[in-house]
C-alpha atoms as a PDB file:
ATOM      1  CA  MET A   1     102.048 -60.460  -7.825  1.00  0.00           C
ATOM      2  CA  ASN A   2     105.665 -59.451  -7.581  1.00  0.00           C
ATOM      3  CA  ASP A   3     106.161 -56.775  -4.905  1.00  0.00           C
ATOM      4  CA  ASP A   4     109.343 -55.572  -6.614  1.00  0.00           C
ATOM      5  CA  SER A   5     107.367 -54.149  -9.529  1.00  0.00           C
ATOM      6  CA  THR A   6     105.213 -51.970  -7.277  1.00  0.00           C
ATOM      7  CA  MET A   7     107.865 -50.755  -4.867  1.00  0.00           C
ATOM      8  CA  LYS A   8     109.782 -47.567  -5.577  1.00  0.00           C
ATOM      9  CA  THR A   9     113.451 -47.568  -4.884  1.00  0.00           C
ATOM     10  CA  ALA A  10     115.420 -44.546  -3.785  1.00  0.00           C
ATOM     11  CA  SER A  11     116.815 -44.099  -7.299  1.00  0.00           C
ATOM     12  CA  GLU A  12     113.281 -43.926  -8.774  1.00  0.00           C
ATOM     13  CA  VAL A  13     112.048 -41.168  -6.458  1.00  0.00           C
ATOM     14  CA  PRO A  14     112.119 -37.934  -8.463  1.00  0.00           C
ATOM     15  CA  GLN A  15     114.334 -35.219  -7.041  1.00  0.00           C
ATOM     16  CA  HIS A  16     113.145 -31.633  -7.401  1.00  0.00           C
ATOM     17  CA  ASP A  17     115.577 -29.022  -8.649  1.00  0.00           C
ATOM     18  CA  TRP A  18     115.107 -25.998  -6.402  1.00  0.00           C
ATOM     19  CA  SER A  19     117.659 -23.808  -8.190  1.00  0.00           C
ATOM     20  CA  ARG A  20     115.026 -21.895 -10.210  1.00  0.00           C
ATOM     21  CA  PHE A  21     113.000 -21.247  -7.070  1.00  0.00           C
ATOM     22  CA  ASP A  22     116.081 -20.188  -5.122  1.00  0.00           C
ATOM     23  CA  ASP A  23     116.955 -17.669  -7.847  1.00  0.00           C
ATOM     24  CA  MET A  24     113.525 -15.979  -7.635  1.00  0.00           C
ATOM     25  CA  THR A  25     112.855 -12.865  -5.597  1.00  0.00           C
ATOM     26  CA  ALA A  26     110.068 -12.872  -3.025  1.00  0.00           C
ATOM     27  CA  ALA A  27     107.900 -10.867  -5.442  1.00  0.00           C
ATOM     28  CA  GLU A  28     108.502 -13.391  -8.247  1.00  0.00           C
ATOM     29  CA  ARG A  29     107.630 -16.279  -5.908  1.00  0.00           C
ATOM     30  CA  HIS A  30     104.439 -14.522  -4.865  1.00  0.00           C
ATOM     31  CA  ALA A  31     103.503 -13.851  -8.517  1.00  0.00           C
ATOM     32  CA  ALA A  32     104.164 -17.486  -9.451  1.00  0.00           C
ATOM     33  CA  ALA A  33     102.038 -18.730  -6.542  1.00  0.00           C
ATOM     34  CA  SER A  34      99.249 -16.320  -7.504  1.00  0.00           C
ATOM     35  CA  ARG A  35      99.151 -17.777 -11.013  1.00  0.00           C
ATOM     36  CA  ASP A  36      98.877 -21.348  -9.677  1.00  0.00           C
ATOM     37  CA  PRO A  37      95.211 -22.087  -8.865  1.00  0.00           C
ATOM     38  CA  ASP A  38      96.246 -24.888  -6.493  1.00  0.00           C
ATOM     39  CA  ALA A  39      98.673 -22.783  -4.466  1.00  0.00           C
ATOM     40  CA  ARG A  40      97.175 -19.344  -4.077  1.00  0.00           C
ATOM     41  CA  PRO A  41      98.527 -17.314  -1.152  1.00  0.00           C
ATOM     42  CA  LEU A  42      96.170 -16.573   1.699  1.00  0.00           C
ATOM     43  CA  THR A  43      94.498 -13.194   1.598  1.00  0.00           C
ATOM     44  CA  PRO A  44      94.206 -10.965   4.663  1.00  0.00           C
ATOM     45  CA  ASP A  45      90.526 -11.982   4.877  1.00  0.00           C
ATOM     46  CA  ASP A  46      91.560 -15.658   4.835  1.00  0.00           C
ATOM     47  CA  MET A  47      93.994 -15.006   7.653  1.00  0.00           C
ATOM     48  CA  LYS A  48      91.311 -13.305   9.751  1.00  0.00           C
ATOM     49  CA  ARG A  49      88.990 -16.308   9.399  1.00  0.00           C
ATOM     50  CA  MET A  50      91.644 -18.865  10.284  1.00  0.00           C
ATOM     51  CA  LYS A  51      92.181 -20.085  13.794  1.00  0.00           C
ATOM     52  CA  ARG A  52      95.780 -19.255  14.603  1.00  0.00           C
ATOM     53  CA  THR A  53      96.475 -21.394  17.653  1.00  0.00           C
ATOM     54  CA  PRO A  54      96.289 -25.159  17.172  1.00  0.00           C
ATOM     55  CA  ARG A  55      94.685 -27.123  19.950  1.00  0.00           C
ATOM     56  CA  VAL A  56      98.022 -28.441  21.100  1.00  0.00           C
ATOM     57  CA  ARG A  57      96.787 -29.715  24.445  1.00  0.00           C
ATOM     58  CA  VAL A  58      94.010 -31.742  22.764  1.00  0.00           C
ATOM     59  CA  ILE A  59      96.482 -33.237  20.285  1.00  0.00           C
ATOM     60  CA  ARG A  60      99.025 -34.012  23.017  1.00  0.00           C
ATOM     61  CA  ARG A  61      96.423 -35.661  25.246  1.00  0.00           C
ATOM     62  CA  ALA A  62      95.035 -37.697  22.337  1.00  0.00           C
ATOM     63  CA  LEU A  63      98.555 -39.052  21.864  1.00  0.00           C
ATOM     64  CA  LYS A  64      98.740 -39.748  25.625  1.00  0.00           C
ATOM     65  CA  LEU A  65     102.017 -37.844  25.937  1.00  0.00           C
ATOM     66  CA  SER A  66     103.282 -35.596  28.697  1.00  0.00           C
ATOM     67  CA  GLN A  67     104.408 -32.105  27.758  1.00  0.00           C
ATOM     68  CA  GLU A  68     108.026 -33.243  27.991  1.00  0.00           C
ATOM     69  CA  GLU A  69     107.442 -36.311  25.786  1.00  0.00           C
ATOM     70  CA  PHE A  70     105.475 -34.297  23.205  1.00  0.00           C
ATOM     71  CA  ALA A  71     108.126 -31.558  23.126  1.00  0.00           C
ATOM     72  CA  ALA A  72     110.905 -34.105  22.666  1.00  0.00           C
ATOM     73  CA  ARG A  73     109.075 -36.070  19.970  1.00  0.00           C
ATOM     74  CA  PHE A  74     108.351 -33.005  17.833  1.00  0.00           C
ATOM     75  CA  ARG A  75     111.492 -31.061  18.756  1.00  0.00           C
ATOM     76  CA  ILE A  76     109.595 -28.161  20.247  1.00  0.00           C
ATOM     77  CA  PRO A  77     111.110 -26.282  23.176  1.00  0.00           C
ATOM     78  CA  PRO A  78     109.088 -27.223  26.295  1.00  0.00           C
ATOM     79  CA  GLY A  79     108.564 -23.550  27.148  1.00  0.00           C
ATOM     80  CA  THR A  80     107.084 -22.910  23.702  1.00  0.00           C
ATOM     81  CA  LEU A  81     104.728 -25.856  24.125  1.00  0.00           C
ATOM     82  CA  ARG A  82     103.587 -24.522  27.502  1.00  0.00           C
ATOM     83  CA  ASP A  83     103.019 -21.099  25.912  1.00  0.00           C
ATOM     84  CA  TRP A  84     100.920 -22.640  23.139  1.00  0.00           C
ATOM     85  CA  GLU A  85      98.838 -24.598  25.604  1.00  0.00           C
ATOM     86  CA  ARG A  86      98.173 -21.413  27.561  1.00  0.00           C
ATOM     87  CA  ALA A  87      97.507 -19.635  24.225  1.00  0.00           C
ATOM     88  CA  ALA A  88     100.221 -17.119  25.099  1.00  0.00           C
ATOM     89  CA  ARG A  89     101.617 -17.300  21.574  1.00  0.00           C
ATOM     90  CA  THR A  90     100.067 -17.784  18.189  1.00  0.00           C
ATOM     91  CA  SER A  91     103.113 -18.710  16.092  1.00  0.00           C
ATOM     92  CA  THR A  92     103.607 -22.349  15.209  1.00  0.00           C
ATOM     93  CA  PRO A  93     106.356 -24.236  13.391  1.00  0.00           C
ATOM     94  CA  ARG A  94     105.333 -24.805   9.788  1.00  0.00           C
ATOM     95  CA  ARG A  95     105.782 -28.547   9.949  1.00  0.00           C
ATOM     96  CA  ALA A  96     103.841 -29.010  13.162  1.00  0.00           C
ATOM     97  CA  PRO A  97     100.284 -29.663  11.906  1.00  0.00           C
ATOM     98  CA  THR A  98     101.434 -32.323   9.444  1.00  0.00           C
ATOM     99  CA  CYS A  99     103.616 -34.216  11.854  1.00  0.00           C
ATOM    100  CA  TRP A 100     101.034 -34.019  14.653  1.00  0.00           C
ATOM    101  CA  SER A 101      98.260 -35.421  12.501  1.00  0.00           C
ATOM    102  CA  SER A 102     100.460 -38.195  11.118  1.00  0.00           C
ATOM    103  CA  ALA A 103     101.550 -39.146  14.642  1.00  0.00           C
ATOM    104  CA  ALA A 104      97.943 -39.224  15.813  1.00  0.00           C
ATOM    105  CA  THR A 105      97.062 -41.514  12.901  1.00  0.00           C
ATOM    106  CA  ARG A 106      99.931 -43.887  13.699  1.00  0.00           C
ATOM    107  CA  ARG A 107      98.967 -44.154  17.380  1.00  0.00           C
ATOM    108  CA  ARG A 108      95.410 -45.333  16.705  1.00  0.00           C
END
């Protein structure tokens, strides 16, 4: 089997045109998301049920990283990481859960 036929090159990767999205108001974006069954916004009840603080310490220890190493790897200010581990804050960077889980998968 020829690997070249199954590999995507950079020119084959579809690029998304964000101009339509950028031109939408917040209300139009919300309405569009509400119409999409695969991307419905979270309701206030959903938010109440969700656990807001990720178990950062558990993730960091599973990766066998110090706080400084973890903060550097994921570009998180060390003070913010310490706050999360003490559960002093509940806000998280939006990309954090994805990159943490992918890093944990790679380390195994």
